[in-house]
Amino acid sequence: MEQLAPRPVFPSETLRETFQQYFGVPPVRYLNRRTLHQVRSALKAADPSVATVTEIATRFGVWELGRFARDYRVLFGELPSETLRH
């Protein structure tokens, strides 16, 4: 079985370091911020009389809503619910 599995070209630490040098942030933080921006765009486009923050956030794979709300507020200076209402 080991013969069938491809071996990594780079050690994972090298990949993380290279990613951080190129993008300026670690891969997990990059993905988190990308998700936050996607949710923000969806919240701005949504009809607040029909949509909910939870429905929109989970559409983008967000399940830890408390952490999401905290990270969202730190990045954008407002709660997701405030974005949805505007």
PDB file of N, CA and C in Angstrom:
ATOM      1  N   MET A   1       0.812  -1.187   0.000  1.00  0.00           N
ATOM      2  CA  MET A   1       0.000   0.000   0.000  1.00  0.00           C
ATOM      3  C   MET A   1       0.864   1.262   0.000  1.00  0.00           C
ATOM      4  N   GLU A   2       1.960   1.243   0.728  1.00  0.00           N
ATOM      5  CA  GLU A   2       2.828   2.412   0.771  1.00  0.00           C
ATOM      6  C   GLU A   2       3.366   2.766  -0.609  1.00  0.00           C
ATOM      7  N   GLN A   3       3.518   1.763  -1.460  1.00  0.00           N
ATOM      8  CA  GLN A   3       4.034   2.017  -2.807  1.00  0.00           C
ATOM      9  C   GLN A   3       3.012   2.779  -3.656  1.00  0.00           C
ATOM     10  N   LEU A   4       1.741   2.652  -3.346  1.00  0.00           N
ATOM     11  CA  LEU A   4       0.708   3.323  -4.121  1.00  0.00           C
ATOM     12  C   LEU A   4       0.486   4.762  -3.682  1.00  0.00           C
ATOM     13  N   ALA A   5       0.768   5.065  -2.441  1.00  0.00           N
ATOM     14  CA  ALA A   5       0.533   6.405  -1.918  1.00  0.00           C
ATOM     15  C   ALA A   5       1.662   7.330  -2.354  1.00  0.00           C
ATOM     16  N   PRO A   6       1.324   8.467  -2.958  1.00  0.00           N
ATOM     17  CA  PRO A   6       2.378   9.403  -3.358  1.00  0.00           C
ATOM     18  C   PRO A   6       3.030  10.031  -2.123  1.00  0.00           C
ATOM     19  N   ARG A   7       4.315  10.244  -2.223  1.00  0.00           N
ATOM     20  CA  ARG A   7       5.023  10.877  -1.125  1.00  0.00           C
ATOM     21  C   ARG A   7       4.962  12.384  -1.322  1.00  0.00           C
ATOM     22  N   PRO A   8       4.903  13.118  -0.217  1.00  0.00           N
ATOM     23  CA  PRO A   8       4.868  14.578  -0.354  1.00  0.00           C
ATOM     24  C   PRO A   8       6.149  15.093  -0.992  1.00  0.00           C
ATOM     25  N   VAL A   9       5.995  16.097  -1.822  1.00  0.00           N
ATOM     26  CA  VAL A   9       7.144  16.699  -2.481  1.00  0.00           C
ATOM     27  C   VAL A   9       7.919  17.562  -1.485  1.00  0.00           C
ATOM     28  N   PHE A  10       7.206  18.263  -0.604  1.00  0.00           N
ATOM     29  CA  PHE A  10       7.819  19.129   0.390  1.00  0.00           C
ATOM     30  C   PHE A  10       7.368  18.683   1.780  1.00  0.00           C
ATOM     31  N   PRO A  11       8.231  18.815   2.753  1.00  0.00           N
ATOM     32  CA  PRO A  11       7.772  18.596   4.131  1.00  0.00           C
ATOM     33  C   PRO A  11       6.697  19.647   4.470  1.00  0.00           C
ATOM     34  N   SER A  12       5.748  19.283   5.304  1.00  0.00           N
ATOM     35  CA  SER A  12       4.644  20.193   5.600  1.00  0.00           C
ATOM     36  C   SER A  12       5.128  21.510   6.199  1.00  0.00           C
ATOM     37  N   GLU A  13       6.168  21.479   6.997  1.00  0.00           N
ATOM     38  CA  GLU A  13       6.692  22.720   7.583  1.00  0.00           C
ATOM     39  C   GLU A  13       7.223  23.652   6.496  1.00  0.00           C
ATOM     40  N   THR A  14       7.893  23.110   5.510  1.00  0.00           N
ATOM     41  CA  THR A  14       8.396  23.919   4.396  1.00  0.00           C
ATOM     42  C   THR A  14       7.237  24.533   3.623  1.00  0.00           C
ATOM     43  N   LEU A  15       6.208  23.763   3.412  1.00  0.00           N
ATOM     44  CA  LEU A  15       5.028  24.269   2.700  1.00  0.00           C
ATOM     45  C   LEU A  15       4.383  25.406   3.479  1.00  0.00           C
ATOM     46  N   ARG A  16       4.225  25.238   4.796  1.00  0.00           N
ATOM     47  CA  ARG A  16       3.637  26.305   5.631  1.00  0.00           C
ATOM     48  C   ARG A  16       4.498  27.568   5.592  1.00  0.00           C
ATOM     49  N   GLU A  17       5.795  27.396   5.723  1.00  0.00           N
ATOM     50  CA  GLU A  17       6.695  28.554   5.709  1.00  0.00           C
ATOM     51  C   GLU A  17       6.644  29.285   4.373  1.00  0.00           C
ATOM     52  N   THR A  18       6.647  28.538   3.286  1.00  0.00           N
ATOM     53  CA  THR A  18       6.583  29.138   1.956  1.00  0.00           C
ATOM     54  C   THR A  18       5.259  29.866   1.761  1.00  0.00           C
ATOM     55  N   PHE A  19       4.174  29.263   2.193  1.00  0.00           N
ATOM     56  CA  PHE A  19       2.859  29.891   2.098  1.00  0.00           C
ATOM     57  C   PHE A  19       2.859  31.209   2.875  1.00  0.00           C
ATOM     58  N   GLN A  20       3.383  31.180   4.089  1.00  0.00           N
ATOM     59  CA  GLN A  20       3.392  32.387   4.909  1.00  0.00           C
ATOM     60  C   GLN A  20       4.261  33.477   4.293  1.00  0.00           C
ATOM     61  N   GLN A  21       5.389  33.108   3.714  1.00  0.00           N
ATOM     62  CA  GLN A  21       6.241  34.104   3.065  1.00  0.00           C
ATOM     63  C   GLN A  21       5.525  34.739   1.879  1.00  0.00           C
ATOM     64  N   TYR A  22       4.799  33.942   1.121  1.00  0.00           N
ATOM     65  CA  TYR A  22       4.132  34.445  -0.083  1.00  0.00           C
ATOM     66  C   TYR A  22       2.900  35.280   0.259  1.00  0.00           C
ATOM     67  N   PHE A  23       2.051  34.762   1.150  1.00  0.00           N
ATOM     68  CA  PHE A  23       0.780  35.429   1.464  1.00  0.00           C
ATOM     69  C   PHE A  23       0.850  36.334   2.694  1.00  0.00           C
ATOM     70  N   GLY A  24       1.880  36.189   3.499  1.00  0.00           N
ATOM     71  CA  GLY A  24       2.023  37.031   4.683  1.00  0.00           C
ATOM     72  C   GLY A  24       1.268  36.554   5.902  1.00  0.00           C
ATOM     73  N   VAL A  25       0.576  35.445   5.788  1.00  0.00           N
ATOM     74  CA  VAL A  25      -0.163  34.849   6.914  1.00  0.00           C
ATOM     75  C   VAL A  25      -0.081  33.336   6.801  1.00  0.00           C
ATOM     76  N   PRO A  26      -0.225  32.633   7.923  1.00  0.00           N
ATOM     77  CA  PRO A  26      -0.240  31.165   7.861  1.00  0.00           C
ATOM     78  C   PRO A  26      -1.464  30.663   7.081  1.00  0.00           C
ATOM     79  N   PRO A  27      -1.389  29.457   6.535  1.00  0.00           N
ATOM     80  CA  PRO A  27      -2.494  28.931   5.712  1.00  0.00           C
ATOM     81  C   PRO A  27      -3.849  28.911   6.413  1.00  0.00           C
ATOM     82  N   VAL A  28      -3.887  28.516   7.671  1.00  0.00           N
ATOM     83  CA  VAL A  28      -5.172  28.441   8.373  1.00  0.00           C
ATOM     84  C   VAL A  28      -5.772  29.834   8.544  1.00  0.00           C
ATOM     85  N   ARG A  29      -4.959  30.813   8.875  1.00  0.00           N
ATOM     86  CA  ARG A  29      -5.471  32.183   9.016  1.00  0.00           C
ATOM     87  C   ARG A  29      -5.961  32.716   7.665  1.00  0.00           C
ATOM     88  N   TYR A  30      -5.241  32.393   6.608  1.00  0.00           N
ATOM     89  CA  TYR A  30      -5.666  32.809   5.266  1.00  0.00           C
ATOM     90  C   TYR A  30      -7.050  32.251   4.943  1.00  0.00           C
ATOM     91  N   LEU A  31      -7.227  30.961   5.195  1.00  0.00           N
ATOM     92  CA  LEU A  31      -8.524  30.340   4.917  1.00  0.00           C
ATOM     93  C   LEU A  31      -9.621  30.927   5.787  1.00  0.00           C
ATOM     94  N   ASN A  32      -9.307  31.212   7.051  1.00  0.00           N
ATOM     95  CA  ASN A  32     -10.278  31.823   7.950  1.00  0.00           C
ATOM     96  C   ASN A  32     -10.704  33.198   7.432  1.00  0.00           C
ATOM     97  N   ARG A  33      -9.735  34.012   7.062  1.00  0.00           N
ATOM     98  CA  ARG A  33     -10.060  35.356   6.553  1.00  0.00           C
ATOM     99  C   ARG A  33     -10.829  35.286   5.237  1.00  0.00           C
ATOM    100  N   ARG A  34     -10.451  34.350   4.401  1.00  0.00           N
ATOM    101  CA  ARG A  34     -11.172  34.183   3.140  1.00  0.00           C
ATOM    102  C   ARG A  34     -12.637  33.847   3.405  1.00  0.00           C
ATOM    103  N   THR A  35     -12.873  32.937   4.332  1.00  0.00           N
ATOM    104  CA  THR A  35     -14.235  32.580   4.694  1.00  0.00           C
ATOM    105  C   THR A  35     -14.980  33.784   5.265  1.00  0.00           C
ATOM    106  N   LEU A  36     -14.333  34.529   6.140  1.00  0.00           N
ATOM    107  CA  LEU A  36     -14.968  35.713   6.716  1.00  0.00           C
ATOM    108  C   LEU A  36     -15.368  36.709   5.630  1.00  0.00           C
ATOM    109  N   HIS A  37     -14.513  36.918   4.660  1.00  0.00           N
ATOM    110  CA  HIS A  37     -14.837  37.838   3.557  1.00  0.00           C
ATOM    111  C   HIS A  37     -15.984  37.298   2.699  1.00  0.00           C
ATOM    112  N   GLN A  38     -16.012  35.999   2.465  1.00  0.00           N
ATOM    113  CA  GLN A  38     -17.106  35.408   1.692  1.00  0.00           C
ATOM    114  C   GLN A  38     -18.431  35.566   2.422  1.00  0.00           C
ATOM    115  N   VAL A  39     -18.425  35.312   3.721  1.00  0.00           N
ATOM    116  CA  VAL A  39     -19.650  35.462   4.507  1.00  0.00           C
ATOM    117  C   VAL A  39     -20.079  36.925   4.503  1.00  0.00           C
ATOM    118  N   ARG A  40     -19.150  37.840   4.655  1.00  0.00           N
ATOM    119  CA  ARG A  40     -19.489  39.276   4.664  1.00  0.00           C
ATOM    120  C   ARG A  40     -20.156  39.679   3.354  1.00  0.00           C
ATOM    121  N   SER A  41     -19.609  39.222   2.252  1.00  0.00           N
ATOM    122  CA  SER A  41     -20.222  39.544   0.950  1.00  0.00           C
ATOM    123  C   SER A  41     -21.642  39.001   0.862  1.00  0.00           C
ATOM    124  N   ALA A  42     -21.827  37.779   1.335  1.00  0.00           N
ATOM    125  CA  ALA A  42     -23.159  37.171   1.306  1.00  0.00           C
ATOM    126  C   ALA A  42     -24.120  37.901   2.242  1.00  0.00           C
ATOM    127  N   LEU A  43     -23.643  38.324   3.401  1.00  0.00           N
ATOM    128  CA  LEU A  43     -24.492  39.070   4.336  1.00  0.00           C
ATOM    129  C   LEU A  43     -24.927  40.397   3.737  1.00  0.00           C
ATOM    130  N   LYS A  44     -24.010  41.081   3.074  1.00  0.00           N
ATOM    131  CA  LYS A  44     -24.346  42.367   2.451  1.00  0.00           C
ATOM    132  C   LYS A  44     -25.374  42.210   1.334  1.00  0.00           C
ATOM    133  N   ALA A  45     -25.330  41.083   0.626  1.00  0.00           N
ATOM    134  CA  ALA A  45     -26.233  40.850  -0.497  1.00  0.00           C
ATOM    135  C   ALA A  45     -27.574  40.251  -0.076  1.00  0.00           C
ATOM    136  N   ALA A  46     -27.664  39.790   1.160  1.00  0.00           N
ATOM    137  CA  ALA A  46     -28.855  39.062   1.605  1.00  0.00           C
ATOM    138  C   ALA A  46     -29.991  40.009   2.003  1.00  0.00           C
ATOM    139  N   ASP A  47     -31.186  39.468   1.943  1.00  0.00           N
ATOM    140  CA  ASP A  47     -32.383  40.170   2.410  1.00  0.00           C
ATOM    141  C   ASP A  47     -32.542  39.853   3.899  1.00  0.00           C
ATOM    142  N   PRO A  48     -32.378  40.849   4.781  1.00  0.00           N
ATOM    143  CA  PRO A  48     -32.434  40.573   6.214  1.00  0.00           C
ATOM    144  C   PRO A  48     -33.802  40.113   6.713  1.00  0.00           C
ATOM    145  N   SER A  49     -34.839  40.310   5.928  1.00  0.00           N
ATOM    146  CA  SER A  49     -36.159  39.845   6.356  1.00  0.00           C
ATOM    147  C   SER A  49     -36.330  38.343   6.132  1.00  0.00           C
ATOM    148  N   VAL A  50     -35.415  37.748   5.363  1.00  0.00           N
ATOM    149  CA  VAL A  50     -35.509  36.324   5.049  1.00  0.00           C
ATOM    150  C   VAL A  50     -34.299  35.546   5.564  1.00  0.00           C
ATOM    151  N   ALA A  51     -33.120  36.105   5.388  1.00  0.00           N
ATOM    152  CA  ALA A  51     -31.867  35.397   5.707  1.00  0.00           C
ATOM    153  C   ALA A  51     -31.500  35.556   7.176  1.00  0.00           C
ATOM    154  N   THR A  52     -30.703  34.603   7.660  1.00  0.00           N
ATOM    155  CA  THR A  52     -30.133  34.702   9.006  1.00  0.00           C
ATOM    156  C   THR A  52     -28.618  34.568   8.908  1.00  0.00           C
ATOM    157  N   VAL A  53     -27.948  35.092   9.905  1.00  0.00           N
ATOM    158  CA  VAL A  53     -26.493  34.968   9.953  1.00  0.00           C
ATOM    159  C   VAL A  53     -26.099  33.495   9.999  1.00  0.00           C
ATOM    160  N   THR A  54     -26.794  32.719  10.797  1.00  0.00           N
ATOM    161  CA  THR A  54     -26.472  31.302  10.925  1.00  0.00           C
ATOM    162  C   THR A  54     -26.595  30.584   9.591  1.00  0.00           C
ATOM    163  N   GLU A  55     -27.669  30.831   8.873  1.00  0.00           N
ATOM    164  CA  GLU A  55     -27.881  30.169   7.577  1.00  0.00           C
ATOM    165  C   GLU A  55     -26.771  30.531   6.601  1.00  0.00           C
ATOM    166  N   ILE A  56     -26.413  31.781   6.572  1.00  0.00           N
ATOM    167  CA  ILE A  56     -25.370  32.225   5.633  1.00  0.00           C
ATOM    168  C   ILE A  56     -24.003  31.695   6.054  1.00  0.00           C
ATOM    169  N   ALA A  57     -23.687  31.791   7.327  1.00  0.00           N
ATOM    170  CA  ALA A  57     -22.378  31.332   7.804  1.00  0.00           C
ATOM    171  C   ALA A  57     -22.192  29.835   7.585  1.00  0.00           C
ATOM    172  N   THR A  58     -23.221  29.049   7.890  1.00  0.00           N
ATOM    173  CA  THR A  58     -23.080  27.598   7.720  1.00  0.00           C
ATOM    174  C   THR A  58     -22.986  27.210   6.257  1.00  0.00           C
ATOM    175  N   ARG A  59     -23.525  28.024   5.376  1.00  0.00           N
ATOM    176  CA  ARG A  59     -23.385  27.773   3.941  1.00  0.00           C
ATOM    177  C   ARG A  59     -21.911  27.771   3.526  1.00  0.00           C
ATOM    178  N   PHE A  60     -21.099  28.517   4.263  1.00  0.00           N
ATOM    179  CA  PHE A  60     -19.668  28.605   3.968  1.00  0.00           C
ATOM    180  C   PHE A  60     -18.837  27.727   4.886  1.00  0.00           C
ATOM    181  N   GLY A  61     -19.486  26.797   5.580  1.00  0.00           N
ATOM    182  CA  GLY A  61     -18.759  25.840   6.402  1.00  0.00           C
ATOM    183  C   GLY A  61     -18.420  26.308   7.797  1.00  0.00           C
ATOM    184  N   VAL A  62     -19.057  27.376   8.251  1.00  0.00           N
ATOM    185  CA  VAL A  62     -18.809  27.878   9.599  1.00  0.00           C
ATOM    186  C   VAL A  62     -19.758  27.164  10.557  1.00  0.00           C
ATOM    187  N   TRP A  63     -19.193  26.521  11.578  1.00  0.00           N
ATOM    188  CA  TRP A  63     -20.005  25.802  12.564  1.00  0.00           C
ATOM    189  C   TRP A  63     -19.773  26.315  13.967  1.00  0.00           C
ATOM    190  N   GLU A  64     -18.645  26.926  14.226  1.00  0.00           N
ATOM    191  CA  GLU A  64     -18.360  27.500  15.549  1.00  0.00           C
ATOM    192  C   GLU A  64     -18.770  28.969  15.508  1.00  0.00           C
ATOM    193  N   LEU A  65     -20.048  29.211  15.740  1.00  0.00           N
ATOM    194  CA  LEU A  65     -20.611  30.543  15.517  1.00  0.00           C
ATOM    195  C   LEU A  65     -20.097  31.587  16.497  1.00  0.00           C
ATOM    196  N   GLY A  66     -19.803  31.199  17.725  1.00  0.00           N
ATOM    197  CA  GLY A  66     -19.248  32.155  18.684  1.00  0.00           C
ATOM    198  C   GLY A  66     -17.873  32.642  18.261  1.00  0.00           C
ATOM    199  N   ARG A  67     -17.035  31.717  17.864  1.00  0.00           N
ATOM    200  CA  ARG A  67     -15.693  32.073  17.388  1.00  0.00           C
ATOM    201  C   ARG A  67     -15.794  32.885  16.093  1.00  0.00           C
ATOM    202  N   PHE A  68     -16.706  32.483  15.230  1.00  0.00           N
ATOM    203  CA  PHE A  68     -16.922  33.211  13.987  1.00  0.00           C
ATOM    204  C   PHE A  68     -17.300  34.668  14.271  1.00  0.00           C
ATOM    205  N   ALA A  69     -18.256  34.878  15.182  1.00  0.00           N
ATOM    206  CA  ALA A  69     -18.701  36.244  15.499  1.00  0.00           C
ATOM    207  C   ALA A  69     -17.557  37.077  16.067  1.00  0.00           C
ATOM    208  N   ARG A  70     -16.740  36.453  16.928  1.00  0.00           N
ATOM    209  CA  ARG A  70     -15.590  37.164  17.496  1.00  0.00           C
ATOM    210  C   ARG A  70     -14.594  37.551  16.402  1.00  0.00           C
ATOM    211  N   ASP A  71     -14.221  36.579  15.570  1.00  0.00           N
ATOM    212  CA  ASP A  71     -13.258  36.852  14.495  1.00  0.00           C
ATOM    213  C   ASP A  71     -13.802  37.885  13.516  1.00  0.00           C
ATOM    214  N   TYR A  72     -15.088  37.806  13.226  1.00  0.00           N
ATOM    215  CA  TYR A  72     -15.733  38.742  12.305  1.00  0.00           C
ATOM    216  C   TYR A  72     -15.647  40.163  12.862  1.00  0.00           C
ATOM    217  N   ARG A  73     -15.963  40.303  14.139  1.00  0.00           N
ATOM    218  CA  ARG A  73     -15.938  41.631  14.758  1.00  0.00           C
ATOM    219  C   ARG A  73     -14.522  42.199  14.800  1.00  0.00           C
ATOM    220  N   VAL A  74     -13.548  41.353  15.088  1.00  0.00           N
ATOM    221  CA  VAL A  74     -12.149  41.806  15.124  1.00  0.00           C
ATOM    222  C   VAL A  74     -11.723  42.295  13.740  1.00  0.00           C
ATOM    223  N   LEU A  75     -12.088  41.567  12.702  1.00  0.00           N
ATOM    224  CA  LEU A  75     -11.671  41.911  11.344  1.00  0.00           C
ATOM    225  C   LEU A  75     -12.436  43.094  10.762  1.00  0.00           C
ATOM    226  N   PHE A  76     -13.758  43.139  10.982  1.00  0.00           N
ATOM    227  CA  PHE A  76     -14.590  44.144  10.313  1.00  0.00           C
ATOM    228  C   PHE A  76     -15.117  45.250  11.227  1.00  0.00           C
ATOM    229  N   GLY A  77     -14.949  45.113  12.545  1.00  0.00           N
ATOM    230  CA  GLY A  77     -15.384  46.163  13.455  1.00  0.00           C
ATOM    231  C   GLY A  77     -16.876  46.193  13.727  1.00  0.00           C
ATOM    232  N   GLU A  78     -17.572  45.152  13.335  1.00  0.00           N
ATOM    233  CA  GLU A  78     -19.005  45.049  13.614  1.00  0.00           C
ATOM    234  C   GLU A  78     -19.392  43.584  13.662  1.00  0.00           C
ATOM    235  N   LEU A  79     -20.523  43.317  14.262  1.00  0.00           N
ATOM    236  CA  LEU A  79     -21.022  41.937  14.327  1.00  0.00           C
ATOM    237  C   LEU A  79     -21.638  41.535  12.996  1.00  0.00           C
ATOM    238  N   PRO A  80     -21.664  40.254  12.687  1.00  0.00           N
ATOM    239  CA  PRO A  80     -22.298  39.805  11.443  1.00  0.00           C
ATOM    240  C   PRO A  80     -23.758  40.258  11.339  1.00  0.00           C
ATOM    241  N   SER A  81     -24.459  40.263  12.452  1.00  0.00           N
ATOM    242  CA  SER A  81     -25.866  40.694  12.427  1.00  0.00           C
ATOM    243  C   SER A  81     -26.006  42.160  12.023  1.00  0.00           C
ATOM    244  N   GLU A  82     -25.028  42.976  12.385  1.00  0.00           N
ATOM    245  CA  GLU A  82     -25.061  44.377  11.982  1.00  0.00           C
ATOM    246  C   GLU A  82     -24.853  44.524  10.479  1.00  0.00           C
ATOM    247  N   THR A  83     -23.974  43.716   9.926  1.00  0.00           N
ATOM    248  CA  THR A  83     -23.760  43.727   8.478  1.00  0.00           C
ATOM    249  C   THR A  83     -25.030  43.310   7.760  1.00  0.00           C
ATOM    250  N   LEU A  84     -25.685  42.298   8.264  1.00  0.00           N
ATOM    251  CA  LEU A  84     -26.913  41.802   7.627  1.00  0.00           C
ATOM    252  C   LEU A  84     -28.003  42.875   7.637  1.00  0.00           C
ATOM    253  N   ARG A  85     -28.093  43.654   8.688  1.00  0.00           N
ATOM    254  CA  ARG A  85     -29.151  44.672   8.795  1.00  0.00           C
ATOM    255  C   ARG A  85     -28.909  45.878   7.901  1.00  0.00           C
ATOM    256  N   HIS A  86     -27.687  46.076   7.442  1.00  0.00           N
ATOM    257  CA  HIS A  86     -27.394  47.279   6.639  1.00  0.00           C
ATOM    258  C   HIS A  86     -27.544  47.054   5.181  1.00  0.00           C
TER     259      HIS A  86
END
